[in-house]
């Protein structure tokens, strides 16, 4: 019974958190332009709860990433992909 090292989990969560920031930038850029996209990405980058949840082993980071990815797919009119990822997001949350 081998356990996954905590550092590996936290590294994965940091990658997922960074991908979330990038997706928020892309969504905001599509709808509001580059300046607003930079502000949105910067705000999510320093938002205290997001930073806290990314640095702890909880489902919030994965759920947030999946929800934002689904919104990105929806905005790209990839509705099947959006539905699939929304379903994954629902499964990522135990409650």
PDB file of N, CA and C in Angstrom:
ATOM      1  N   UNK A   1       0.848  -1.184   0.000  1.00  0.00           N
ATOM      2  CA  UNK A   1       0.000   0.000   0.000  1.00  0.00           C
ATOM      3  C   UNK A   1       0.885   1.235   0.000  1.00  0.00           C
ATOM      4  N   UNK A   2       1.130   1.779  -1.171  1.00  0.00           N
ATOM      5  CA  UNK A   2       2.012   2.923  -1.316  1.00  0.00           C
ATOM      6  C   UNK A   2       1.183   4.198  -1.399  1.00  0.00           C
ATOM      7  N   UNK A   3       1.551   5.186  -0.620  1.00  0.00           N
ATOM      8  CA  UNK A   3       0.818   6.449  -0.604  1.00  0.00           C
ATOM      9  C   UNK A   3       1.447   7.443  -1.572  1.00  0.00           C
ATOM     10  N   UNK A   4       0.623   8.290  -2.132  1.00  0.00           N
ATOM     11  CA  UNK A   4       1.111   9.349  -3.018  1.00  0.00           C
ATOM     12  C   UNK A   4       1.711  10.450  -2.145  1.00  0.00           C
ATOM     13  N   UNK A   5       2.914  10.898  -2.463  1.00  0.00           N
ATOM     14  CA  UNK A   5       3.528  11.952  -1.654  1.00  0.00           C
ATOM     15  C   UNK A   5       2.721  13.251  -1.708  1.00  0.00           C
ATOM     16  N   UNK A   6       2.655  13.924  -0.590  1.00  0.00           N
ATOM     17  CA  UNK A   6       1.915  15.179  -0.490  1.00  0.00           C
ATOM     18  C   UNK A   6       2.438  16.206  -1.486  1.00  0.00           C
ATOM     19  N   UNK A   7       3.734  16.248  -1.688  1.00  0.00           N
ATOM     20  CA  UNK A   7       4.316  17.217  -2.618  1.00  0.00           C
ATOM     21  C   UNK A   7       3.808  16.999  -4.041  1.00  0.00           C
ATOM     22  N   UNK A   8       3.580  15.769  -4.432  1.00  0.00           N
ATOM     23  CA  UNK A   8       3.060  15.476  -5.769  1.00  0.00           C
ATOM     24  C   UNK A   8       1.641  16.020  -5.925  1.00  0.00           C
ATOM     25  N   UNK A   9       0.836  15.831  -4.912  1.00  0.00           N
ATOM     26  CA  UNK A   9      -0.541  16.332  -4.939  1.00  0.00           C
ATOM     27  C   UNK A   9      -0.551  17.850  -5.010  1.00  0.00           C
ATOM     28  N   UNK A  10       0.262  18.489  -4.181  1.00  0.00           N
ATOM     29  CA  UNK A  10       0.303  19.949  -4.163  1.00  0.00           C
ATOM     30  C   UNK A  10       0.853  20.505  -5.479  1.00  0.00           C
ATOM     31  N   UNK A  11       1.808  19.808  -6.085  1.00  0.00           N
ATOM     32  CA  UNK A  11       2.320  20.227  -7.391  1.00  0.00           C
ATOM     33  C   UNK A  11       1.218  20.146  -8.441  1.00  0.00           C
ATOM     34  N   UNK A  12       0.477  19.045  -8.446  1.00  0.00           N
ATOM     35  CA  UNK A  12      -0.644  18.890  -9.380  1.00  0.00           C
ATOM     36  C   UNK A  12      -1.672  19.998  -9.163  1.00  0.00           C
ATOM     37  N   UNK A  13      -1.991  20.291  -7.919  1.00  0.00           N
ATOM     38  CA  UNK A  13      -2.973  21.342  -7.629  1.00  0.00           C
ATOM     39  C   UNK A  13      -2.465  22.714  -8.068  1.00  0.00           C
ATOM     40  N   UNK A  14      -1.162  22.961  -7.947  1.00  0.00           N
ATOM     41  CA  UNK A  14      -0.595  24.224  -8.427  1.00  0.00           C
ATOM     42  C   UNK A  14      -0.735  24.334  -9.941  1.00  0.00           C
ATOM     43  N   UNK A  15      -0.497  23.237 -10.654  1.00  0.00           N
ATOM     44  CA  UNK A  15      -0.677  23.237 -12.109  1.00  0.00           C
ATOM     45  C   UNK A  15      -2.134  23.495 -12.493  1.00  0.00           C
ATOM     46  N   UNK A  16      -3.039  22.835 -11.786  1.00  0.00           N
ATOM     47  CA  UNK A  16      -4.469  23.018 -12.058  1.00  0.00           C
ATOM     48  C   UNK A  16      -4.888  24.465 -11.745  1.00  0.00           C
ATOM     49  N   UNK A  17      -4.359  25.022 -10.665  1.00  0.00           N
ATOM     50  CA  UNK A  17      -4.654  26.418 -10.323  1.00  0.00           C
ATOM     51  C   UNK A  17      -4.141  27.375 -11.381  1.00  0.00           C
ATOM     52  N   UNK A  18      -2.940  27.123 -11.894  1.00  0.00           N
ATOM     53  CA  UNK A  18      -2.388  27.969 -12.955  1.00  0.00           C
ATOM     54  C   UNK A  18      -3.218  27.857 -14.231  1.00  0.00           C
ATOM     55  N   UNK A  19      -3.665  26.654 -14.541  1.00  0.00           N
ATOM     56  CA  UNK A  19      -4.511  26.459 -15.725  1.00  0.00           C
ATOM     57  C   UNK A  19      -5.841  27.193 -15.568  1.00  0.00           C
ATOM     58  N   UNK A  20      -6.350  27.246 -14.348  1.00  0.00           N
ATOM     59  CA  UNK A  20      -7.597  27.974 -14.091  1.00  0.00           C
ATOM     60  C   UNK A  20      -7.421  29.463 -14.373  1.00  0.00           C
ATOM     61  N   UNK A  21      -6.304  30.019 -13.927  1.00  0.00           N
ATOM     62  CA  UNK A  21      -6.016  31.434 -14.189  1.00  0.00           C
ATOM     63  C   UNK A  21      -5.943  31.685 -15.691  1.00  0.00           C
ATOM     64  N   UNK A  22      -5.276  30.799 -16.416  1.00  0.00           N
ATOM     65  CA  UNK A  22      -5.171  30.949 -17.872  1.00  0.00           C
ATOM     66  C   UNK A  22      -6.543  30.885 -18.546  1.00  0.00           C
ATOM     67  N   UNK A  23      -7.376  29.956 -18.108  1.00  0.00           N
ATOM     68  CA  UNK A  23      -8.722  29.853 -18.695  1.00  0.00           C
ATOM     69  C   UNK A  23      -9.566  31.093 -18.397  1.00  0.00           C
ATOM     70  N   UNK A  24      -9.444  31.619 -17.190  1.00  0.00           N
ATOM     71  CA  UNK A  24     -10.186  32.839 -16.858  1.00  0.00           C
ATOM     72  C   UNK A  24      -9.719  33.985 -17.744  1.00  0.00           C
ATOM     73  N   UNK A  25      -8.416  34.057 -17.973  1.00  0.00           N
ATOM     74  CA  UNK A  25      -7.897  35.074 -18.895  1.00  0.00           C
ATOM     75  C   UNK A  25      -8.523  34.904 -20.280  1.00  0.00           C
ATOM     76  N   UNK A  26      -8.538  33.675 -20.790  1.00  0.00           N
ATOM     77  CA  UNK A  26      -9.064  33.425 -22.136  1.00  0.00           C
ATOM     78  C   UNK A  26     -10.555  33.764 -22.234  1.00  0.00           C
ATOM     79  N   UNK A  27     -11.322  33.404 -21.213  1.00  0.00           N
ATOM     80  CA  UNK A  27     -12.758  33.708 -21.225  1.00  0.00           C
ATOM     81  C   UNK A  27     -12.981  35.215 -21.200  1.00  0.00           C
ATOM     82  N   UNK A  28     -12.293  35.906 -20.301  1.00  0.00           N
ATOM     83  CA  UNK A  28     -12.465  37.359 -20.191  1.00  0.00           C
ATOM     84  C   UNK A  28     -11.971  38.066 -21.450  1.00  0.00           C
ATOM     85  N   UNK A  29     -10.880  37.592 -22.026  1.00  0.00           N
ATOM     86  CA  UNK A  29     -10.357  38.208 -23.246  1.00  0.00           C
ATOM     87  C   UNK A  29     -11.351  38.069 -24.394  1.00  0.00           C
ATOM     88  N   UNK A  30     -11.996  36.920 -24.488  1.00  0.00           N
ATOM     89  CA  UNK A  30     -12.978  36.680 -25.545  1.00  0.00           C
ATOM     90  C   UNK A  30     -14.152  37.656 -25.448  1.00  0.00           C
ATOM     91  N   UNK A  31     -14.582  37.943 -24.235  1.00  0.00           N
ATOM     92  CA  UNK A  31     -15.800  38.744 -24.057  1.00  0.00           C
ATOM     93  C   UNK A  31     -15.545  40.219 -23.768  1.00  0.00           C
ATOM     94  N   UNK A  32     -14.404  40.547 -23.156  1.00  0.00           N
ATOM     95  CA  UNK A  32     -14.205  41.914 -22.686  1.00  0.00           C
ATOM     96  C   UNK A  32     -12.906  42.573 -23.127  1.00  0.00           C
ATOM     97  N   UNK A  33     -12.006  41.849 -23.751  1.00  0.00           N
ATOM     98  CA  UNK A  33     -10.755  42.435 -24.206  1.00  0.00           C
ATOM     99  C   UNK A  33      -9.584  42.135 -23.278  1.00  0.00           C
ATOM    100  N   UNK A  34      -8.398  42.467 -23.778  1.00  0.00           N
ATOM    101  CA  UNK A  34      -7.161  42.100 -23.098  1.00  0.00           C
ATOM    102  C   UNK A  34      -7.007  42.760 -21.732  1.00  0.00           C
ATOM    103  N   UNK A  35      -7.311  44.044 -21.627  1.00  0.00           N
ATOM    104  CA  UNK A  35      -7.123  44.764 -20.353  1.00  0.00           C
ATOM    105  C   UNK A  35      -7.964  44.138 -19.251  1.00  0.00           C
ATOM    106  N   UNK A  36      -9.222  43.911 -19.522  1.00  0.00           N
ATOM    107  CA  UNK A  36     -10.112  43.308 -18.534  1.00  0.00           C
ATOM    108  C   UNK A  36      -9.687  41.875 -18.231  1.00  0.00           C
ATOM    109  N   UNK A  37      -9.212  41.164 -19.248  1.00  0.00           N
ATOM    110  CA  UNK A  37      -8.751  39.792 -19.033  1.00  0.00           C
ATOM    111  C   UNK A  37      -7.547  39.757 -18.097  1.00  0.00           C
ATOM    112  N   UNK A  38      -6.620  40.682 -18.266  1.00  0.00           N
ATOM    113  CA  UNK A  38      -5.462  40.752 -17.370  1.00  0.00           C
ATOM    114  C   UNK A  38      -5.884  41.061 -15.937  1.00  0.00           C
ATOM    115  N   UNK A  39      -6.848  41.955 -15.790  1.00  0.00           N
ATOM    116  CA  UNK A  39      -7.348  42.287 -14.449  1.00  0.00           C
ATOM    117  C   UNK A  39      -8.023  41.067 -13.821  1.00  0.00           C
ATOM    118  N   UNK A  40      -8.874  40.389 -14.585  1.00  0.00           N
ATOM    119  CA  UNK A  40      -9.575  39.203 -14.066  1.00  0.00           C
ATOM    120  C   UNK A  40      -8.586  38.121 -13.661  1.00  0.00           C
ATOM    121  N   UNK A  41      -7.611  37.839 -14.514  1.00  0.00           N
ATOM    122  CA  UNK A  41      -6.614  36.814 -14.201  1.00  0.00           C
ATOM    123  C   UNK A  41      -5.772  37.227 -12.998  1.00  0.00           C
ATOM    124  N   UNK A  42      -5.408  38.493 -12.926  1.00  0.00           N
ATOM    125  CA  UNK A  42      -4.637  38.986 -11.778  1.00  0.00           C
ATOM    126  C   UNK A  42      -5.402  38.884 -10.482  1.00  0.00           C
ATOM    127  N   UNK A  43      -6.701  39.179 -10.526  1.00  0.00           N
ATOM    128  CA  UNK A  43      -7.517  39.103  -9.307  1.00  0.00           C
ATOM    129  C   UNK A  43      -7.686  37.661  -8.839  1.00  0.00           C
ATOM    130  N   UNK A  44      -7.907  36.745  -9.757  1.00  0.00           N
ATOM    131  CA  UNK A  44      -8.057  35.345  -9.334  1.00  0.00           C
ATOM    132  C   UNK A  44      -6.713  34.794  -8.864  1.00  0.00           C
ATOM    133  N   UNK A  45      -5.633  35.320  -9.396  1.00  0.00           N
ATOM    134  CA  UNK A  45      -4.296  34.893  -8.999  1.00  0.00           C
ATOM    135  C   UNK A  45      -3.989  35.225  -7.542  1.00  0.00           C
ATOM    136  N   UNK A  46      -4.544  36.338  -7.041  1.00  0.00           N
ATOM    137  CA  UNK A  46      -4.256  36.766  -5.662  1.00  0.00           C
ATOM    138  C   UNK A  46      -5.450  36.623  -4.722  1.00  0.00           C
ATOM    139  N   UNK A  47      -6.555  36.081  -5.214  1.00  0.00           N
ATOM    140  CA  UNK A  47      -7.750  35.933  -4.375  1.00  0.00           C
ATOM    141  C   UNK A  47      -7.430  34.984  -3.212  1.00  0.00           C
ATOM    142  N   UNK A  48      -7.621  35.435  -1.963  1.00  0.00           N
ATOM    143  CA  UNK A  48      -7.159  34.656  -0.806  1.00  0.00           C
ATOM    144  C   UNK A  48      -7.710  33.229  -0.705  1.00  0.00           C
ATOM    145  N   UNK A  49      -8.990  33.027  -0.929  1.00  0.00           N
ATOM    146  CA  UNK A  49      -9.546  31.683  -0.804  1.00  0.00           C
ATOM    147  C   UNK A  49      -9.000  30.749  -1.888  1.00  0.00           C
ATOM    148  N   UNK A  50      -8.848  31.264  -3.091  1.00  0.00           N
ATOM    149  CA  UNK A  50      -8.298  30.451  -4.171  1.00  0.00           C
ATOM    150  C   UNK A  50      -6.864  30.039  -3.858  1.00  0.00           C
ATOM    151  N   UNK A  51      -6.076  30.979  -3.371  1.00  0.00           N
ATOM    152  CA  UNK A  51      -4.690  30.673  -3.000  1.00  0.00           C
ATOM    153  C   UNK A  51      -4.672  29.635  -1.878  1.00  0.00           C
ATOM    154  N   UNK A  52      -5.530  29.812  -0.886  1.00  0.00           N
ATOM    155  CA  UNK A  52      -5.586  28.877   0.243  1.00  0.00           C
ATOM    156  C   UNK A  52      -5.977  27.474  -0.205  1.00  0.00           C
ATOM    157  N   UNK A  53      -7.034  27.368  -1.012  1.00  0.00           N
ATOM    158  CA  UNK A  53      -7.500  26.048  -1.435  1.00  0.00           C
ATOM    159  C   UNK A  53      -6.505  25.355  -2.357  1.00  0.00           C
ATOM    160  N   UNK A  54      -5.741  26.124  -3.134  1.00  0.00           N
ATOM    161  CA  UNK A  54      -4.741  25.525  -4.010  1.00  0.00           C
ATOM    162  C   UNK A  54      -3.602  24.920  -3.196  1.00  0.00           C
ATOM    163  N   UNK A  55      -3.332  25.491  -2.041  1.00  0.00           N
ATOM    164  CA  UNK A  55      -2.214  25.024  -1.208  1.00  0.00           C
ATOM    165  C   UNK A  55      -2.638  23.977  -0.180  1.00  0.00           C
ATOM    166  N   UNK A  56      -3.888  23.521  -0.226  1.00  0.00           N
ATOM    167  CA  UNK A  56      -4.351  22.471   0.675  1.00  0.00           C
ATOM    168  C   UNK A  56      -4.935  21.322  -0.148  1.00  0.00           C
ATOM    169  N   UNK A  57      -4.949  20.147   0.442  1.00  0.00           N
ATOM    170  CA  UNK A  57      -5.466  18.976  -0.273  1.00  0.00           C
ATOM    171  C   UNK A  57      -6.977  18.924  -0.063  1.00  0.00           C
ATOM    172  N   UNK A  58      -7.686  19.530  -0.989  1.00  0.00           N
ATOM    173  CA  UNK A  58      -9.155  19.570  -0.966  1.00  0.00           C
ATOM    174  C   UNK A  58      -9.644  19.506  -2.411  1.00  0.00           C
ATOM    175  N   UNK A  59     -10.938  19.321  -2.584  1.00  0.00           N
ATOM    176  CA  UNK A  59     -11.488  19.182  -3.929  1.00  0.00           C
ATOM    177  C   UNK A  59     -11.782  20.520  -4.609  1.00  0.00           C
ATOM    178  N   UNK A  60     -11.686  21.623  -3.899  1.00  0.00           N
ATOM    179  CA  UNK A  60     -12.073  22.918  -4.457  1.00  0.00           C
ATOM    180  C   UNK A  60     -11.264  23.298  -5.689  1.00  0.00           C
ATOM    181  N   UNK A  61      -9.969  23.025  -5.662  1.00  0.00           N
ATOM    182  CA  UNK A  61      -9.118  23.406  -6.793  1.00  0.00           C
ATOM    183  C   UNK A  61      -9.529  22.662  -8.059  1.00  0.00           C
ATOM    184  N   UNK A  62      -9.731  21.359  -7.956  1.00  0.00           N
ATOM    185  CA  UNK A  62     -10.147  20.571  -9.111  1.00  0.00           C
ATOM    186  C   UNK A  62     -11.538  20.975  -9.584  1.00  0.00           C
ATOM    187  N   UNK A  63     -12.461  21.166  -8.648  1.00  0.00           N
ATOM    188  CA  UNK A  63     -13.816  21.562  -9.012  1.00  0.00           C
ATOM    189  C   UNK A  63     -13.820  22.907  -9.735  1.00  0.00           C
ATOM    190  N   UNK A  64     -13.086  23.875  -9.202  1.00  0.00           N
ATOM    191  CA  UNK A  64     -13.035  25.204  -9.821  1.00  0.00           C
ATOM    192  C   UNK A  64     -12.473  25.123 -11.232  1.00  0.00           C
ATOM    193  N   UNK A  65     -11.387  24.365 -11.391  1.00  0.00           N
ATOM    194  CA  UNK A  65     -10.806  24.197 -12.724  1.00  0.00           C
ATOM    195  C   UNK A  65     -11.818  23.589 -13.690  1.00  0.00           C
ATOM    196  N   UNK A  66     -12.479  22.526 -13.267  1.00  0.00           N
ATOM    197  CA  UNK A  66     -13.430  21.856 -14.157  1.00  0.00           C
ATOM    198  C   UNK A  66     -14.615  22.755 -14.495  1.00  0.00           C
ATOM    199  N   UNK A  67     -15.111  23.514 -13.518  1.00  0.00           N
ATOM    200  CA  UNK A  67     -16.231  24.418 -13.781  1.00  0.00           C
ATOM    201  C   UNK A  67     -15.825  25.520 -14.762  1.00  0.00           C
ATOM    202  N   UNK A  68     -14.625  26.062 -14.599  1.00  0.00           N
ATOM    203  CA  UNK A  68     -14.147  27.109 -15.510  1.00  0.00           C
ATOM    204  C   UNK A  68     -13.871  26.525 -16.899  1.00  0.00           C
ATOM    205  N   UNK A  69     -13.314  25.320 -16.951  1.00  0.00           N
ATOM    206  CA  UNK A  69     -13.092  24.663 -18.245  1.00  0.00           C
ATOM    207  C   UNK A  69     -14.412  24.418 -18.958  1.00  0.00           C
ATOM    208  N   UNK A  70     -15.419  23.980 -18.226  1.00  0.00           N
ATOM    209  CA  UNK A  70     -16.737  23.758 -18.832  1.00  0.00           C
ATOM    210  C   UNK A  70     -17.309  25.076 -19.355  1.00  0.00           C
ATOM    211  N   UNK A  71     -17.154  26.156 -18.593  1.00  0.00           N
ATOM    212  CA  UNK A  71     -17.628  27.463 -19.052  1.00  0.00           C
ATOM    213  C   UNK A  71     -16.876  27.903 -20.310  1.00  0.00           C
ATOM    214  N   UNK A  72     -15.584  27.601 -20.358  1.00  0.00           N
ATOM    215  CA  UNK A  72     -14.798  27.918 -21.549  1.00  0.00           C
ATOM    216  C   UNK A  72     -15.330  27.150 -22.757  1.00  0.00           C
ATOM    217  N   UNK A  73     -15.580  25.849 -22.589  1.00  0.00           N
ATOM    218  CA  UNK A  73     -16.150  25.052 -23.678  1.00  0.00           C
ATOM    219  C   UNK A  73     -17.518  25.579 -24.094  1.00  0.00           C
ATOM    220  N   UNK A  74     -18.336  25.938 -23.127  1.00  0.00           N
ATOM    221  CA  UNK A  74     -19.676  26.456 -23.426  1.00  0.00           C
ATOM    222  C   UNK A  74     -19.573  27.729 -24.265  1.00  0.00           C
ATOM    223  N   UNK A  75     -18.667  28.622 -23.860  1.00  0.00           N
ATOM    224  CA  UNK A  75     -18.478  29.866 -24.607  1.00  0.00           C
ATOM    225  C   UNK A  75     -17.922  29.639 -26.006  1.00  0.00           C
ATOM    226  N   UNK A  76     -17.249  28.511 -26.201  1.00  0.00           N
ATOM    227  CA  UNK A  76     -16.720  28.148 -27.523  1.00  0.00           C
ATOM    228  C   UNK A  76     -17.728  27.350 -28.344  1.00  0.00           C
ATOM    229  N   UNK A  77     -18.938  27.227 -27.800  1.00  0.00           N
ATOM    230  CA  UNK A  77     -20.025  26.471 -28.441  1.00  0.00           C
ATOM    231  C   UNK A  77     -19.674  24.994 -28.612  1.00  0.00           C
ATOM    232  N   UNK A  78     -18.878  24.473 -27.708  1.00  0.00           N
ATOM    233  CA  UNK A  78     -18.579  23.030 -27.657  1.00  0.00           C
ATOM    234  C   UNK A  78     -19.439  22.438 -26.541  1.00  0.00           C
ATOM    235  N   UNK A  79     -20.708  22.294 -26.828  1.00  0.00           N
ATOM    236  CA  UNK A  79     -21.686  21.969 -25.800  1.00  0.00           C
ATOM    237  C   UNK A  79     -21.543  20.559 -25.243  1.00  0.00           C
ATOM    238  N   UNK A  80     -21.172  19.614 -26.078  1.00  0.00           N
ATOM    239  CA  UNK A  80     -20.987  18.240 -25.587  1.00  0.00           C
ATOM    240  C   UNK A  80     -19.814  18.194 -24.624  1.00  0.00           C
ATOM    241  N   UNK A  81     -18.706  18.831 -24.990  1.00  0.00           N
ATOM    242  CA  UNK A  81     -17.543  18.905 -24.100  1.00  0.00           C
ATOM    243  C   UNK A  81     -17.870  19.628 -22.810  1.00  0.00           C
ATOM    244  N   UNK A  82     -18.641  20.702 -22.919  1.00  0.00           N
ATOM    245  CA  UNK A  82     -19.041  21.452 -21.730  1.00  0.00           C
ATOM    246  C   UNK A  82     -19.879  20.584 -20.810  1.00  0.00           C
ATOM    247  N   UNK A  83     -20.831  19.858 -21.379  1.00  0.00           N
ATOM    248  CA  UNK A  83     -21.676  18.981 -20.572  1.00  0.00           C
ATOM    249  C   UNK A  83     -20.880  17.887 -19.885  1.00  0.00           C
ATOM    250  N   UNK A  84     -19.924  17.309 -20.620  1.00  0.00           N
ATOM    251  CA  UNK A  84     -19.080  16.267 -20.053  1.00  0.00           C
ATOM    252  C   UNK A  84     -18.254  16.806 -18.887  1.00  0.00           C
ATOM    253  N   UNK A  85     -17.653  17.970 -19.082  1.00  0.00           N
ATOM    254  CA  UNK A  85     -16.795  18.542 -18.032  1.00  0.00           C
ATOM    255  C   UNK A  85     -17.636  19.032 -16.853  1.00  0.00           C
ATOM    256  N   UNK A  86     -18.837  19.581 -17.105  1.00  0.00           N
ATOM    257  CA  UNK A  86     -19.724  19.930 -15.988  1.00  0.00           C
ATOM    258  C   UNK A  86     -20.057  18.683 -15.173  1.00  0.00           C
ATOM    259  N   UNK A  87     -20.277  17.564 -15.851  1.00  0.00           N
ATOM    260  CA  UNK A  87     -20.524  16.307 -15.152  1.00  0.00           C
ATOM    261  C   UNK A  87     -19.339  15.883 -14.307  1.00  0.00           C
ATOM    262  N   UNK A  88     -18.126  16.000 -14.847  1.00  0.00           N
ATOM    263  CA  UNK A  88     -16.928  15.700 -14.073  1.00  0.00           C
ATOM    264  C   UNK A  88     -16.805  16.610 -12.860  1.00  0.00           C
ATOM    265  N   UNK A  89     -17.137  17.893 -13.053  1.00  0.00           N
ATOM    266  CA  UNK A  89     -17.084  18.834 -11.935  1.00  0.00           C
ATOM    267  C   UNK A  89     -18.044  18.427 -10.833  1.00  0.00           C
ATOM    268  N   UNK A  90     -19.228  17.987 -11.208  1.00  0.00           N
ATOM    269  CA  UNK A  90     -20.199  17.534 -10.203  1.00  0.00           C
ATOM    270  C   UNK A  90     -19.677  16.312  -9.450  1.00  0.00           C
ATOM    271  N   UNK A  91     -18.979  15.424 -10.160  1.00  0.00           N
ATOM    272  CA  UNK A  91     -18.431  14.236  -9.516  1.00  0.00           C
ATOM    273  C   UNK A  91     -17.221  14.564  -8.643  1.00  0.00           C
ATOM    274  N   UNK A  92     -16.564  15.666  -8.911  1.00  0.00           N
ATOM    275  CA  UNK A  92     -15.374  16.044  -8.120  1.00  0.00           C
ATOM    276  C   UNK A  92     -15.746  16.535  -6.731  1.00  0.00           C
ATOM    277  N   UNK A  93     -16.980  16.946  -6.557  1.00  0.00           N
ATOM    278  CA  UNK A  93     -17.442  17.450  -5.255  1.00  0.00           C
ATOM    279  C   UNK A  93     -18.216  16.347  -4.535  1.00  0.00           C
ATOM    280  N   UNK A  94     -17.776  15.939  -3.369  1.00  0.00           N
ATOM    281  CA  UNK A  94     -18.435  14.840  -2.664  1.00  0.00           C
ATOM    282  C   UNK A  94     -19.803  15.200  -2.097  1.00  0.00           C
ATOM    283  N   UNK A  95     -20.105  16.484  -1.961  1.00  0.00           N
ATOM    284  CA  UNK A  95     -21.405  16.870  -1.367  1.00  0.00           C
ATOM    285  C   UNK A  95     -22.360  17.329  -2.425  1.00  0.00           C
TER     286      UNK A  95
END
